[in-house]
Structures are given as structure tokens and as C-alpha cells.
C-alpha atoms as a PDB file:
ATOM      1  CA  UNK A   1       2.991  -9.823 -19.029  1.00  0.00           C
ATOM      2  CA  UNK A   2       0.454  -7.026 -20.871  1.00  0.00           C
ATOM      3  CA  UNK A   3      -1.399  -6.575 -17.506  1.00  0.00           C
ATOM      4  CA  UNK A   4       1.470  -5.391 -15.401  1.00  0.00           C
ATOM      5  CA  UNK A   5       2.736  -2.895 -18.328  1.00  0.00           C
ATOM      6  CA  UNK A   6      -0.847  -1.020 -18.567  1.00  0.00           C
ATOM      7  CA  UNK A   7      -1.281  -1.170 -14.577  1.00  0.00           C
ATOM      8  CA  UNK A   8       2.730   0.412 -14.653  1.00  0.00           C
ATOM      9  CA  UNK A   9       1.495   2.783 -17.215  1.00  0.00           C
ATOM     10  CA  UNK A  10      -1.921   3.843 -15.569  1.00  0.00           C
ATOM     11  CA  UNK A  11      -0.074   4.561 -12.954  1.00  0.00           C
ATOM     12  CA  UNK A  12       2.511   6.587 -14.084  1.00  0.00           C
ATOM     13  CA  UNK A  13      -0.195   8.645 -15.634  1.00  0.00           C
ATOM     14  CA  UNK A  14      -2.332   9.022 -12.392  1.00  0.00           C
ATOM     15  CA  UNK A  15       0.876   9.901 -10.423  1.00  0.00           C
ATOM     16  CA  UNK A  16       2.345  12.359 -13.212  1.00  0.00           C
ATOM     17  CA  UNK A  17      -1.595  14.044 -13.345  1.00  0.00           C
ATOM     18  CA  UNK A  18      -2.188  14.278  -9.613  1.00  0.00           C
ATOM     19  CA  UNK A  19       1.753  15.628  -8.883  1.00  0.00           C
ATOM     20  CA  UNK A  20       2.078  12.549  -6.400  1.00  0.00           C
ATOM     21  CA  UNK A  21       5.172  10.840  -6.296  1.00  0.00           C
ATOM     22  CA  UNK A  22       5.103   8.778  -9.134  1.00  0.00           C
ATOM     23  CA  UNK A  23       7.289   5.794  -7.715  1.00  0.00           C
ATOM     24  CA  UNK A  24       4.865   5.193  -4.849  1.00  0.00           C
ATOM     25  CA  UNK A  25       2.169   5.264  -7.510  1.00  0.00           C
ATOM     26  CA  UNK A  26       3.526   2.648  -9.792  1.00  0.00           C
ATOM     27  CA  UNK A  27       5.021   0.272  -6.877  1.00  0.00           C
ATOM     28  CA  UNK A  28       1.450   0.545  -5.365  1.00  0.00           C
ATOM     29  CA  UNK A  29      -0.104  -0.678  -8.649  1.00  0.00           C
ATOM     30  CA  UNK A  30       2.427  -3.545  -8.865  1.00  0.00           C
ATOM     31  CA  UNK A  31       1.736  -4.782  -5.343  1.00  0.00           C
ATOM     32  CA  UNK A  32      -0.290  -8.270  -6.470  1.00  0.00           C
ATOM     33  CA  UNK A  33       1.938  -8.782  -9.184  1.00  0.00           C
ATOM     34  CA  UNK A  34       5.115  -8.801  -6.960  1.00  0.00           C
ATOM     35  CA  UNK A  35       3.163 -10.566  -4.371  1.00  0.00           C
ATOM     36  CA  UNK A  36       2.231 -13.493  -6.930  1.00  0.00           C
ATOM     37  CA  UNK A  37       6.085 -13.495  -8.123  1.00  0.00           C
ATOM     38  CA  UNK A  38       6.717 -13.999  -4.484  1.00  0.00           C
ATOM     39  CA  UNK A  39       4.666 -16.936  -4.435  1.00  0.00           C
ATOM     40  CA  UNK A  40       5.409 -19.110  -7.623  1.00  0.00           C
ATOM     41  CA  UNK A  41       8.543 -19.051  -6.067  1.00  0.00           C
ATOM     42  CA  UNK A  42       8.147 -20.256  -2.361  1.00  0.00           C
END
């Protein structure tokens, strides 16, 4: 669990500092975990 929290925070900080869409950066940081979660439930 701490891994995805760290990736979320890093994505948020990166999005803010580069003035990009924060939601897009955070979602792209979490895509590997979203794939793992969907594989667990299939």
C-alpha cells in the first residue's frame, strides 16, 4: 500500500511543478496497480 501512495504523491508533485494536468499524471502513475487489481478479480 505505501508504494501506490508514494507514486500518487510523486505524480501529484510532478504535475504541479510541470504545470500539467495533475489527474492525468496521477492516473498514469497508478496504471500498473490498477491492472494488478483487475487481474486479481478475474
